[in-house]
Amino acid sequence: MPLSQDRLSTFEVLIPVQVLIPEGANPDTGDDVVQYQFVLGGLPVRNRPTESSNLPTSTGWLDGYWVTTASGGLLAAILVGPDGGVIALPPGAYAIWLRVVDNPTVPVAPVDVLVVT
């Protein structure tokens, strides 16, 4: 089910990320940077882009941050909205794309849908 947000509200978009955290590593201070891109229209079907999907561009990525849950899980997060958010989105349906900048891998994937009303 897509996420939904009123265009006047500000909230955290949280995406679970399945990554192996080496013992002693701290994702909050690590070199792995999580980035988001919100792509209007051409939404992926079941998190797979279709031929008509609008894909993310090579520029325009927004830095997010890592959140560790109480159970030790890892979430990629970004604050979205007009009141202190990294980005304020006009109404529309957006494919949420996530990339983790690591060395040497840089995975990029559509992870969810955000509908701004």
PDB file of N, CA and C in Angstrom:
ATOM      1  N   MET A   1       0.847  -1.182   0.000  1.00  0.00           N
ATOM      2  CA  MET A   1       0.000   0.000   0.000  1.00  0.00           C
ATOM      3  C   MET A   1       0.889   1.240   0.000  1.00  0.00           C
ATOM      4  N   PRO A   2       0.580   2.202  -0.848  1.00  0.00           N
ATOM      5  CA  PRO A   2       1.433   3.392  -0.921  1.00  0.00           C
ATOM      6  C   PRO A   2       1.348   4.234   0.349  1.00  0.00           C
ATOM      7  N   LEU A   3       2.420   4.949   0.610  1.00  0.00           N
ATOM      8  CA  LEU A   3       2.420   5.932   1.684  1.00  0.00           C
ATOM      9  C   LEU A   3       1.588   7.116   1.223  1.00  0.00           C
ATOM     10  N   SER A   4       0.980   7.833   2.155  1.00  0.00           N
ATOM     11  CA  SER A   4       0.182   8.998   1.799  1.00  0.00           C
ATOM     12  C   SER A   4       0.529  10.145   2.731  1.00  0.00           C
ATOM     13  N   GLN A   5       0.594  11.345   2.174  1.00  0.00           N
ATOM     14  CA  GLN A   5       0.963  12.520   2.949  1.00  0.00           C
ATOM     15  C   GLN A   5       0.249  13.734   2.391  1.00  0.00           C
ATOM     16  N   ASP A   6      -0.273  14.563   3.287  1.00  0.00           N
ATOM     17  CA  ASP A   6      -0.822  15.850   2.877  1.00  0.00           C
ATOM     18  C   ASP A   6       0.355  16.760   2.544  1.00  0.00           C
ATOM     19  N   ARG A   7       0.244  17.558   1.490  1.00  0.00           N
ATOM     20  CA  ARG A   7       1.364  18.398   1.048  1.00  0.00           C
ATOM     21  C   ARG A   7       1.786  19.432   2.084  1.00  0.00           C
ATOM     22  N   LEU A   8       0.916  19.718   3.064  1.00  0.00           N
ATOM     23  CA  LEU A   8       1.249  20.700   4.098  1.00  0.00           C
ATOM     24  C   LEU A   8       1.902  20.070   5.325  1.00  0.00           C
ATOM     25  N   SER A   9       1.961  18.729   5.383  1.00  0.00           N
ATOM     26  CA  SER A   9       2.551  18.067   6.539  1.00  0.00           C
ATOM     27  C   SER A   9       4.007  17.712   6.270  1.00  0.00           C
ATOM     28  N   THR A  10       4.756  17.533   7.347  1.00  0.00           N
ATOM     29  CA  THR A  10       6.150  17.129   7.274  1.00  0.00           C
ATOM     30  C   THR A  10       6.294  15.842   8.071  1.00  0.00           C
ATOM     31  N   PHE A  11       6.881  14.802   7.461  1.00  0.00           N
ATOM     32  CA  PHE A  11       7.053  13.546   8.175  1.00  0.00           C
ATOM     33  C   PHE A  11       8.241  12.779   7.626  1.00  0.00           C
ATOM     34  N   GLU A  12       8.686  11.778   8.394  1.00  0.00           N
ATOM     35  CA  GLU A  12       9.803  10.950   7.985  1.00  0.00           C
ATOM     36  C   GLU A  12       9.309   9.827   7.086  1.00  0.00           C
ATOM     37  N   VAL A  13       9.977   9.645   5.968  1.00  0.00           N
ATOM     38  CA  VAL A  13       9.773   8.474   5.136  1.00  0.00           C
ATOM     39  C   VAL A  13      10.818   7.468   5.600  1.00  0.00           C
ATOM     40  N   LEU A  14      10.356   6.299   6.089  1.00  0.00           N
ATOM     41  CA  LEU A  14      11.253   5.272   6.619  1.00  0.00           C
ATOM     42  C   LEU A  14      11.155   4.027   5.752  1.00  0.00           C
ATOM     43  N   ILE A  15      12.278   3.531   5.274  1.00  0.00           N
ATOM     44  CA  ILE A  15      12.336   2.365   4.410  1.00  0.00           C
ATOM     45  C   ILE A  15      13.251   1.325   5.048  1.00  0.00           C
ATOM     46  N   PRO A  16      12.730   0.112   5.344  1.00  0.00           N
ATOM     47  CA  PRO A  16      13.611  -0.944   5.881  1.00  0.00           C
ATOM     48  C   PRO A  16      14.666  -1.335   4.851  1.00  0.00           C
ATOM     49  N   VAL A  17      15.892  -1.497   5.293  1.00  0.00           N
ATOM     50  CA  VAL A  17      16.987  -1.869   4.407  1.00  0.00           C
ATOM     51  C   VAL A  17      17.634  -3.127   4.966  1.00  0.00           C
ATOM     52  N   GLN A  18      17.748  -4.131   4.119  1.00  0.00           N
ATOM     53  CA  GLN A  18      18.373  -5.384   4.531  1.00  0.00           C
ATOM     54  C   GLN A  18      19.854  -5.342   4.175  1.00  0.00           C
ATOM     55  N   VAL A  19      20.666  -4.986   5.146  1.00  0.00           N
ATOM     56  CA  VAL A  19      22.115  -4.968   4.929  1.00  0.00           C
ATOM     57  C   VAL A  19      22.782  -5.631   6.125  1.00  0.00           C
ATOM     58  N   LEU A  20      23.926  -6.222   5.884  1.00  0.00           N
ATOM     59  CA  LEU A  20      24.705  -6.825   6.943  1.00  0.00           C
ATOM     60  C   LEU A  20      25.575  -5.750   7.571  1.00  0.00           C
ATOM     61  N   ILE A  21      25.412  -5.540   8.878  1.00  0.00           N
ATOM     62  CA  ILE A  21      26.214  -4.534   9.577  1.00  0.00           C
ATOM     63  C   ILE A  21      27.349  -5.268  10.274  1.00  0.00           C
ATOM     64  N   PRO A  22      28.595  -5.001   9.887  1.00  0.00           N
ATOM     65  CA  PRO A  22      29.717  -5.672  10.544  1.00  0.00           C
ATOM     66  C   PRO A  22      29.747  -5.347  12.033  1.00  0.00           C
ATOM     67  N   GLU A  23      30.215  -6.298  12.815  1.00  0.00           N
ATOM     68  CA  GLU A  23      30.300  -6.097  14.263  1.00  0.00           C
ATOM     69  C   GLU A  23      31.135  -4.859  14.570  1.00  0.00           C
ATOM     70  N   GLY A  24      30.614  -3.990  15.412  1.00  0.00           N
ATOM     71  CA  GLY A  24      31.309  -2.771  15.793  1.00  0.00           C
ATOM     72  C   GLY A  24      31.048  -1.598  14.864  1.00  0.00           C
ATOM     73  N   ALA A  25      30.384  -1.835  13.736  1.00  0.00           N
ATOM     74  CA  ALA A  25      30.109  -0.745  12.797  1.00  0.00           C
ATOM     75  C   ALA A  25      28.925   0.076  13.285  1.00  0.00           C
ATOM     76  N   ASN A  26      28.910   1.341  12.941  1.00  0.00           N
ATOM     77  CA  ASN A  26      27.814   2.234  13.299  1.00  0.00           C
ATOM     78  C   ASN A  26      27.310   2.891  12.017  1.00  0.00           C
ATOM     79  N   PRO A  27      26.098   2.488  11.535  1.00  0.00           N
ATOM     80  CA  PRO A  27      25.627   3.063  10.271  1.00  0.00           C
ATOM     81  C   PRO A  27      25.410   4.571  10.331  1.00  0.00           C
ATOM     82  N   ASP A  28      25.190   5.108  11.530  1.00  0.00           N
ATOM     83  CA  ASP A  28      24.988   6.552  11.652  1.00  0.00           C
ATOM     84  C   ASP A  28      26.239   7.350  11.334  1.00  0.00           C
ATOM     85  N   THR A  29      27.411   6.743  11.508  1.00  0.00           N
ATOM     86  CA  THR A  29      28.655   7.464  11.253  1.00  0.00           C
ATOM     87  C   THR A  29      29.480   6.797  10.154  1.00  0.00           C
ATOM     88  N   GLY A  30      28.929   5.773   9.527  1.00  0.00           N
ATOM     89  CA  GLY A  30      29.655   5.040   8.499  1.00  0.00           C
ATOM     90  C   GLY A  30      29.739   5.801   7.196  1.00  0.00           C
ATOM     91  N   ASP A  31      30.475   5.224   6.279  1.00  0.00           N
ATOM     92  CA  ASP A  31      30.669   5.848   4.971  1.00  0.00           C
ATOM     93  C   ASP A  31      29.517   5.581   4.012  1.00  0.00           C
ATOM     94  N   ASP A  32      28.652   4.613   4.337  1.00  0.00           N
ATOM     95  CA  ASP A  32      27.536   4.291   3.454  1.00  0.00           C
ATOM     96  C   ASP A  32      26.482   5.393   3.545  1.00  0.00           C
ATOM     97  N   VAL A  33      26.313   6.119   2.449  1.00  0.00           N
ATOM     98  CA  VAL A  33      25.360   7.225   2.406  1.00  0.00           C
ATOM     99  C   VAL A  33      24.081   6.719   1.753  1.00  0.00           C
ATOM    100  N   VAL A  34      22.944   6.997   2.375  1.00  0.00           N
ATOM    101  CA  VAL A  34      21.669   6.627   1.781  1.00  0.00           C
ATOM    102  C   VAL A  34      21.072   7.865   1.118  1.00  0.00           C
ATOM    103  N   GLN A  35      20.577   7.691  -0.103  1.00  0.00           N
ATOM    104  CA  GLN A  35      20.016   8.809  -0.850  1.00  0.00           C
ATOM    105  C   GLN A  35      18.663   8.415  -1.435  1.00  0.00           C
ATOM    106  N   TYR A  36      17.827   9.430  -1.605  1.00  0.00           N
ATOM    107  CA  TYR A  36      16.481   9.249  -2.131  1.00  0.00           C
ATOM    108  C   TYR A  36      16.293  10.080  -3.383  1.00  0.00           C
ATOM    109  N   GLN A  37      15.370   9.599  -4.231  1.00  0.00           N
ATOM    110  CA  GLN A  37      14.873  10.411  -5.328  1.00  0.00           C
ATOM    111  C   GLN A  37      13.380  10.115  -5.452  1.00  0.00           C
ATOM    112  N   PHE A  38      12.564  11.158  -5.549  1.00  0.00           N
ATOM    113  CA  PHE A  38      11.118  11.026  -5.677  1.00  0.00           C
ATOM    114  C   PHE A  38      10.770  11.337  -7.129  1.00  0.00           C
ATOM    115  N   VAL A  39      10.280  10.328  -7.857  1.00  0.00           N
ATOM    116  CA  VAL A  39      10.042  10.458  -9.290  1.00  0.00           C
ATOM    117  C   VAL A  39       8.535  10.486  -9.540  1.00  0.00           C
ATOM    118  N   LEU A  40       8.076  11.600 -10.085  1.00  0.00           N
ATOM    119  CA  LEU A  40       6.653  11.792 -10.342  1.00  0.00           C
ATOM    120  C   LEU A  40       6.218  10.962 -11.547  1.00  0.00           C
ATOM    121  N   GLY A  41       5.108  10.225 -11.373  1.00  0.00           N
ATOM    122  CA  GLY A  41       4.520   9.469 -12.480  1.00  0.00           C
ATOM    123  C   GLY A  41       5.309   8.245 -12.881  1.00  0.00           C
ATOM    124  N   GLY A  42       4.734   7.465 -13.807  1.00  0.00           N
ATOM    125  CA  GLY A  42       5.404   6.259 -14.299  1.00  0.00           C
ATOM    126  C   GLY A  42       5.786   5.332 -13.174  1.00  0.00           C
ATOM    127  N   LEU A  43       4.866   5.099 -12.244  1.00  0.00           N
ATOM    128  CA  LEU A  43       5.194   4.352 -11.041  1.00  0.00           C
ATOM    129  C   LEU A  43       5.542   2.903 -11.337  1.00  0.00           C
ATOM    130  N   PRO A  44       6.494   2.344 -10.609  1.00  0.00           N
ATOM    131  CA  PRO A  44       6.848   0.955 -10.815  1.00  0.00           C
ATOM    132  C   PRO A  44       5.712   0.035 -10.356  1.00  0.00           C
ATOM    133  N   VAL A  45       5.628  -1.112 -10.977  1.00  0.00           N
ATOM    134  CA  VAL A  45       4.648  -2.126 -10.597  1.00  0.00           C
ATOM    135  C   VAL A  45       5.359  -3.158  -9.749  1.00  0.00           C
ATOM    136  N   ARG A  46       4.867  -3.372  -8.539  1.00  0.00           N
ATOM    137  CA  ARG A  46       5.481  -4.335  -7.611  1.00  0.00           C
ATOM    138  C   ARG A  46       6.984  -4.100  -7.477  1.00  0.00           C
ATOM    139  N   ASN A  47       7.338  -2.836  -7.349  1.00  0.00           N
ATOM    140  CA  ASN A  47       8.729  -2.419  -7.166  1.00  0.00           C
ATOM    141  C   ASN A  47       9.641  -2.793  -8.323  1.00  0.00           C
ATOM    142  N   ARG A  48       9.051  -2.999  -9.499  1.00  0.00           N
ATOM    143  CA  ARG A  48       9.859  -3.236 -10.694  1.00  0.00           C
ATOM    144  C   ARG A  48       9.487  -2.182 -11.733  1.00  0.00           C
ATOM    145  N   PRO A  49      10.462  -1.467 -12.255  1.00  0.00           N
ATOM    146  CA  PRO A  49      10.145  -0.456 -13.259  1.00  0.00           C
ATOM    147  C   PRO A  49       9.537  -1.105 -14.500  1.00  0.00           C
ATOM    148  N   THR A  50       8.613  -0.425 -15.118  1.00  0.00           N
ATOM    149  CA  THR A  50       8.050  -0.882 -16.379  1.00  0.00           C
ATOM    150  C   THR A  50       8.650  -0.030 -17.492  1.00  0.00           C
ATOM    151  N   GLU A  51       8.358  -0.397 -18.734  1.00  0.00           N
ATOM    152  CA  GLU A  51       8.899   0.374 -19.860  1.00  0.00           C
ATOM    153  C   GLU A  51       8.447   1.827 -19.815  1.00  0.00           C
ATOM    154  N   SER A  52       7.259   2.066 -19.225  1.00  0.00           N
ATOM    155  CA  SER A  52       6.744   3.432 -19.184  1.00  0.00           C
ATOM    156  C   SER A  52       7.155   4.178 -17.908  1.00  0.00           C
ATOM    157  N   SER A  53       7.927   3.524 -17.049  1.00  0.00           N
ATOM    158  CA  SER A  53       8.335   4.168 -15.804  1.00  0.00           C
ATOM    159  C   SER A  53       9.263   5.343 -16.058  1.00  0.00           C
ATOM    160  N   ASN A  54       9.090   6.383 -15.260  1.00  0.00           N
ATOM    161  CA  ASN A  54      10.061   7.463 -15.236  1.00  0.00           C
ATOM    162  C   ASN A  54      11.149   7.027 -14.269  1.00  0.00           C
ATOM    163  N   LEU A  55      12.354   6.873 -14.759  1.00  0.00           N
ATOM    164  CA  LEU A  55      13.454   6.399 -13.926  1.00  0.00           C
ATOM    165  C   LEU A  55      14.157   7.582 -13.271  1.00  0.00           C
ATOM    166  N   PRO A  56      14.863   7.333 -12.162  1.00  0.00           N
ATOM    167  CA  PRO A  56      15.588   8.433 -11.521  1.00  0.00           C
ATOM    168  C   PRO A  56      16.707   8.924 -12.438  1.00  0.00           C
ATOM    169  N   THR A  57      17.073  10.171 -12.250  1.00  0.00           N
ATOM    170  CA  THR A  57      18.158  10.748 -13.038  1.00  0.00           C
ATOM    171  C   THR A  57      19.479  10.534 -12.308  1.00  0.00           C
ATOM    172  N   SER A  58      20.574  10.787 -12.984  1.00  0.00           N
ATOM    173  CA  SER A  58      21.879  10.619 -12.347  1.00  0.00           C
ATOM    174  C   SER A  58      22.150  11.734 -11.340  1.00  0.00           C
ATOM    175  N   THR A  59      21.442  12.859 -11.478  1.00  0.00           N
ATOM    176  CA  THR A  59      21.565  13.946 -10.513  1.00  0.00           C
ATOM    177  C   THR A  59      20.236  14.082  -9.774  1.00  0.00           C
ATOM    178  N   GLY A  60      20.207  14.887  -8.753  1.00  0.00           N
ATOM    179  CA  GLY A  60      18.956  15.120  -8.039  1.00  0.00           C
ATOM    180  C   GLY A  60      18.730  14.204  -6.859  1.00  0.00           C
ATOM    181  N   TRP A  61      19.735  13.431  -6.481  1.00  0.00           N
ATOM    182  CA  TRP A  61      19.599  12.561  -5.309  1.00  0.00           C
ATOM    183  C   TRP A  61      19.666  13.405  -4.042  1.00  0.00           C
ATOM    184  N   LEU A  62      18.821  13.068  -3.070  1.00  0.00           N
ATOM    185  CA  LEU A  62      18.746  13.787  -1.798  1.00  0.00           C
ATOM    186  C   LEU A  62      19.303  12.909  -0.684  1.00  0.00           C
ATOM    187  N   ASP A  63      20.191  13.464   0.124  1.00  0.00           N
ATOM    188  CA  ASP A  63      20.775  12.691   1.218  1.00  0.00           C
ATOM    189  C   ASP A  63      19.751  12.422   2.301  1.00  0.00           C
ATOM    190  N   GLY A  64      19.680  11.165   2.699  1.00  0.00           N
ATOM    191  CA  GLY A  64      18.871  10.753   3.834  1.00  0.00           C
ATOM    192  C   GLY A  64      19.792  10.432   5.001  1.00  0.00           C
ATOM    193  N   TYR A  65      19.301   9.630   5.906  1.00  0.00           N
ATOM    194  CA  TYR A  65      20.099   9.241   7.063  1.00  0.00           C
ATOM    195  C   TYR A  65      19.645   7.868   7.529  1.00  0.00           C
ATOM    196  N   TRP A  66      20.430   7.262   8.386  1.00  0.00           N
ATOM    197  CA  TRP A  66      20.133   5.935   8.912  1.00  0.00           C
ATOM    198  C   TRP A  66      19.478   6.037  10.282  1.00  0.00           C
ATOM    199  N   VAL A  67      18.523   5.154  10.539  1.00  0.00           N
ATOM    200  CA  VAL A  67      17.884   5.036  11.845  1.00  0.00           C
ATOM    201  C   VAL A  67      17.966   3.565  12.252  1.00  0.00           C
ATOM    202  N   THR A  68      18.468   3.308  13.454  1.00  0.00           N
ATOM    203  CA  THR A  68      18.524   1.947  13.976  1.00  0.00           C
ATOM    204  C   THR A  68      17.329   1.746  14.902  1.00  0.00           C
ATOM    205  N   THR A  69      16.557   0.685  14.655  1.00  0.00           N
ATOM    206  CA  THR A  69      15.378   0.407  15.476  1.00  0.00           C
ATOM    207  C   THR A  69      15.803  -0.231  16.800  1.00  0.00           C
ATOM    208  N   ALA A  70      14.866  -0.281  17.735  1.00  0.00           N
ATOM    209  CA  ALA A  70      15.152  -0.873  19.042  1.00  0.00           C
ATOM    210  C   ALA A  70      15.528  -2.348  18.919  1.00  0.00           C
ATOM    211  N   SER A  71      15.014  -3.019  17.891  1.00  0.00           N
ATOM    212  CA  SER A  71      15.314  -4.442  17.704  1.00  0.00           C
ATOM    213  C   SER A  71      16.585  -4.662  16.885  1.00  0.00           C
ATOM    214  N   GLY A  72      17.273  -3.586  16.519  1.00  0.00           N
ATOM    215  CA  GLY A  72      18.522  -3.704  15.787  1.00  0.00           C
ATOM    216  C   GLY A  72      18.371  -3.633  14.282  1.00  0.00           C
ATOM    217  N   GLY A  73      17.145  -3.422  13.784  1.00  0.00           N
ATOM    218  CA  GLY A  73      16.945  -3.270  12.340  1.00  0.00           C
ATOM    219  C   GLY A  73      17.468  -1.931  11.865  1.00  0.00           C
ATOM    220  N   LEU A  74      17.585  -1.807  10.569  1.00  0.00           N
ATOM    221  CA  LEU A  74      18.126  -0.590   9.981  1.00  0.00           C
ATOM    222  C   LEU A  74      17.105   0.000   9.029  1.00  0.00           C
ATOM    223  N   LEU A  75      16.839   1.299   9.186  1.00  0.00           N
ATOM    224  CA  LEU A  75      15.915   2.005   8.319  1.00  0.00           C
ATOM    225  C   LEU A  75      16.642   3.143   7.623  1.00  0.00           C
ATOM    226  N   ALA A  76      16.355   3.305   6.338  1.00  0.00           N
ATOM    227  CA  ALA A  76      16.801   4.487   5.614  1.00  0.00           C
ATOM    228  C   ALA A  76      15.712   5.528   5.812  1.00  0.00           C
ATOM    229  N   ALA A  77      16.070   6.759   6.126  1.00  0.00           N
ATOM    230  CA  ALA A  77      15.073   7.773   6.453  1.00  0.00           C
ATOM    231  C   ALA A  77      15.384   9.091   5.747  1.00  0.00           C
ATOM    232  N   ILE A  78      14.316   9.864   5.525  1.00  0.00           N
ATOM    233  CA  ILE A  78      14.443  11.215   4.993  1.00  0.00           C
ATOM    234  C   ILE A  78      13.222  11.991   5.470  1.00  0.00           C
ATOM    235  N   LEU A  79      13.408  13.263   5.792  1.00  0.00           N
ATOM    236  CA  LEU A  79      12.311  14.117   6.230  1.00  0.00           C
ATOM    237  C   LEU A  79      11.735  14.823   5.007  1.00  0.00           C
ATOM    238  N   VAL A  80      10.423  14.646   4.797  1.00  0.00           N
ATOM    239  CA  VAL A  80       9.750  15.198   3.619  1.00  0.00           C
ATOM    240  C   VAL A  80       8.658  16.146   4.078  1.00  0.00           C
ATOM    241  N   GLY A  81       8.619  17.333   3.512  1.00  0.00           N
ATOM    242  CA  GLY A  81       7.560  18.284   3.823  1.00  0.00           C
ATOM    243  C   GLY A  81       8.068  19.709   3.876  1.00  0.00           C
ATOM    244  N   PRO A  82       7.139  20.641   3.945  1.00  0.00           N
ATOM    245  CA  PRO A  82       7.505  22.060   3.853  1.00  0.00           C
ATOM    246  C   PRO A  82       8.109  22.657   5.117  1.00  0.00           C
ATOM    247  N   ASP A  83       7.957  21.999   6.256  1.00  0.00           N
ATOM    248  CA  ASP A  83       8.418  22.565   7.518  1.00  0.00           C
ATOM    249  C   ASP A  83       9.697  21.881   7.976  1.00  0.00           C
ATOM    250  N   GLY A  84      10.822  22.230   7.367  1.00  0.00           N
ATOM    251  CA  GLY A  84      12.105  21.658   7.751  1.00  0.00           C
ATOM    252  C   GLY A  84      12.481  20.398   7.006  1.00  0.00           C
ATOM    253  N   GLY A  85      11.660  19.966   6.045  1.00  0.00           N
ATOM    254  CA  GLY A  85      11.972  18.774   5.279  1.00  0.00           C
ATOM    255  C   GLY A  85      13.090  19.014   4.270  1.00  0.00           C
ATOM    256  N   VAL A  86      13.703  17.939   3.830  1.00  0.00           N
ATOM    257  CA  VAL A  86      14.741  18.031   2.809  1.00  0.00           C
ATOM    258  C   VAL A  86      14.122  18.460   1.486  1.00  0.00           C
ATOM    259  N   ILE A  87      12.864  18.044   1.270  1.00  0.00           N
ATOM    260  CA  ILE A  87      12.144  18.405   0.053  1.00  0.00           C
ATOM    261  C   ILE A  87      10.661  18.526   0.384  1.00  0.00           C
ATOM    262  N   ALA A  88       9.990  19.483  -0.252  1.00  0.00           N
ATOM    263  CA  ALA A  88       8.532  19.618  -0.164  1.00  0.00           C
ATOM    264  C   ALA A  88       7.992  19.275  -1.546  1.00  0.00           C
ATOM    265  N   LEU A  89       7.115  18.286  -1.612  1.00  0.00           N
ATOM    266  CA  LEU A  89       6.613  17.799  -2.897  1.00  0.00           C
ATOM    267  C   LEU A  89       5.215  18.321  -3.171  1.00  0.00           C
ATOM    268  N   PRO A  90       4.950  18.768  -4.406  1.00  0.00           N
ATOM    269  CA  PRO A  90       3.588  19.148  -4.769  1.00  0.00           C
ATOM    270  C   PRO A  90       2.719  17.897  -4.888  1.00  0.00           C
ATOM    271  N   PRO A  91       1.389  18.062  -4.900  1.00  0.00           N
ATOM    272  CA  PRO A  91       0.512  16.901  -5.008  1.00  0.00           C
ATOM    273  C   PRO A  91       0.848  16.036  -6.227  1.00  0.00           C
ATOM    274  N   GLY A  92       0.749  14.725  -6.023  1.00  0.00           N
ATOM    275  CA  GLY A  92       1.014  13.762  -7.089  1.00  0.00           C
ATOM    276  C   GLY A  92       1.426  12.433  -6.506  1.00  0.00           C
ATOM    277  N   ALA A  93       1.608  11.446  -7.362  1.00  0.00           N
ATOM    278  CA  ALA A  93       2.065  10.120  -6.950  1.00  0.00           C
ATOM    279  C   ALA A  93       3.525   9.959  -7.378  1.00  0.00           C
ATOM    280  N   TYR A  94       4.363   9.606  -6.426  1.00  0.00           N
ATOM    281  CA  TYR A  94       5.807   9.541  -6.644  1.00  0.00           C
ATOM    282  C   TYR A  94       6.327   8.128  -6.376  1.00  0.00           C
ATOM    283  N   ALA A  95       7.170   7.647  -7.267  1.00  0.00           N
ATOM    284  CA  ALA A  95       7.936   6.442  -6.986  1.00  0.00           C
ATOM    285  C   ALA A  95       9.104   6.867  -6.104  1.00  0.00           C
ATOM    286  N   ILE A  96       9.303   6.167  -5.009  1.00  0.00           N
ATOM    287  CA  ILE A  96      10.435   6.452  -4.123  1.00  0.00           C
ATOM    288  C   ILE A  96      11.582   5.538  -4.532  1.00  0.00           C
ATOM    289  N   TRP A  97      12.689   6.139  -4.944  1.00  0.00           N
ATOM    290  CA  TRP A  97      13.886   5.393  -5.310  1.00  0.00           C
ATOM    291  C   TRP A  97      14.924   5.591  -4.219  1.00  0.00           C
ATOM    292  N   LEU A  98      15.636   4.531  -3.907  1.00  0.00           N
ATOM    293  CA  LEU A  98      16.639   4.555  -2.859  1.00  0.00           C
ATOM    294  C   LEU A  98      17.963   4.080  -3.439  1.00  0.00           C
ATOM    295  N   ARG A  99      19.040   4.755  -3.039  1.00  0.00           N
ATOM    296  CA  ARG A  99      20.367   4.263  -3.416  1.00  0.00           C
ATOM    297  C   ARG A  99      21.264   4.368  -2.196  1.00  0.00           C
ATOM    298  N   VAL A 100      22.137   3.372  -2.073  1.00  0.00           N
ATOM    299  CA  VAL A 100      23.119   3.355  -0.994  1.00  0.00           C
ATOM    300  C   VAL A 100      24.486   3.485  -1.644  1.00  0.00           C
ATOM    301  N   VAL A 101      25.162   4.588  -1.349  1.00  0.00           N
ATOM    302  CA  VAL A 101      26.472   4.846  -1.950  1.00  0.00           C
ATOM    303  C   VAL A 101      27.518   4.177  -1.070  1.00  0.00           C
ATOM    304  N   ASP A 102      28.087   3.117  -1.590  1.00  0.00           N
ATOM    305  CA  ASP A 102      29.064   2.316  -0.869  1.00  0.00           C
ATOM    306  C   ASP A 102      30.272   2.152  -1.791  1.00  0.00           C
ATOM    307  N   ASN A 103      31.263   1.451  -1.363  1.00  0.00           N
ATOM    308  CA  ASN A 103      32.423   1.206  -2.191  1.00  0.00           C
ATOM    309  C   ASN A 103      32.728  -0.284  -2.182  1.00  0.00           C
ATOM    310  N   PRO A 104      32.599  -0.977  -3.274  1.00  0.00           N
ATOM    311  CA  PRO A 104      32.429  -0.510  -4.648  1.00  0.00           C
ATOM    312  C   PRO A 104      30.972  -0.557  -5.142  1.00  0.00           C
ATOM    313  N   THR A 105      30.030  -1.097  -4.358  1.00  0.00           N
ATOM    314  CA  THR A 105      28.670  -1.259  -4.860  1.00  0.00           C
ATOM    315  C   THR A 105      27.828  -0.019  -4.605  1.00  0.00           C
ATOM    316  N   VAL A 106      26.882   0.238  -5.496  1.00  0.00           N
ATOM    317  CA  VAL A 106      25.929   1.337  -5.337  1.00  0.00           C
ATOM    318  C   VAL A 106      24.560   0.822  -5.795  1.00  0.00           C
ATOM    319  N   PRO A 107      23.859   0.081  -4.908  1.00  0.00           N
ATOM    320  CA  PRO A 107      22.543  -0.427  -5.303  1.00  0.00           C
ATOM    321  C   PRO A 107      21.525   0.703  -5.424  1.00  0.00           C
ATOM    322  N   VAL A 108      20.675   0.616  -6.462  1.00  0.00           N
ATOM    323  CA  VAL A 108      19.605   1.579  -6.707  1.00  0.00           C
ATOM    324  C   VAL A 108      18.337   0.776  -6.955  1.00  0.00           C
ATOM    325  N   ALA A 109      17.233   1.115  -6.251  1.00  0.00           N
ATOM    326  CA  ALA A 109      15.998   0.350  -6.418  1.00  0.00           C
ATOM    327  C   ALA A 109      14.784   1.197  -6.084  1.00  0.00           C
ATOM    328  N   PRO A 110      13.658   0.952  -6.790  1.00  0.00           N
ATOM    329  CA  PRO A 110      12.399   1.564  -6.372  1.00  0.00           C
ATOM    330  C   PRO A 110      11.919   0.815  -5.127  1.00  0.00           C
ATOM    331  N   VAL A 111      11.519   1.536  -4.080  1.00  0.00           N
ATOM    332  CA  VAL A 111      11.196   0.874  -2.820  1.00  0.00           C
ATOM    333  C   VAL A 111       9.758   1.063  -2.352  1.00  0.00           C
ATOM    334  N   ASP A 112       9.077   2.092  -2.823  1.00  0.00           N
ATOM    335  CA  ASP A 112       7.711   2.327  -2.374  1.00  0.00           C
ATOM    336  C   ASP A 112       7.105   3.422  -3.235  1.00  0.00           C
ATOM    337  N   VAL A 113       5.879   3.786  -2.891  1.00  0.00           N
ATOM    338  CA  VAL A 113       5.165   4.850  -3.569  1.00  0.00           C
ATOM    339  C   VAL A 113       4.696   5.843  -2.522  1.00  0.00           C
ATOM    340  N   LEU A 114       4.814   7.117  -2.804  1.00  0.00           N
ATOM    341  CA  LEU A 114       4.326   8.177  -1.919  1.00  0.00           C
ATOM    342  C   LEU A 114       3.284   8.995  -2.680  1.00  0.00           C
ATOM    343  N   VAL A 115       2.078   9.088  -2.120  1.00  0.00           N
ATOM    344  CA  VAL A 115       1.034   9.886  -2.722  1.00  0.00           C
ATOM    345  C   VAL A 115       0.872  11.141  -1.878  1.00  0.00           C
ATOM    346  N   VAL A 116       1.103  12.303  -2.501  1.00  0.00           N
ATOM    347  CA  VAL A 116       0.972  13.581  -1.824  1.00  0.00           C
ATOM    348  C   VAL A 116      -0.342  14.195  -2.271  1.00  0.00           C
ATOM    349  N   THR A 117      -1.191  14.537  -1.287  1.00  0.00           N
ATOM    350  CA  THR A 117      -2.503  15.102  -1.611  1.00  0.00           C
ATOM    351  C   THR A 117      -2.549  16.588  -1.333  1.00  0.00           C
TER     352      THR A 117
END
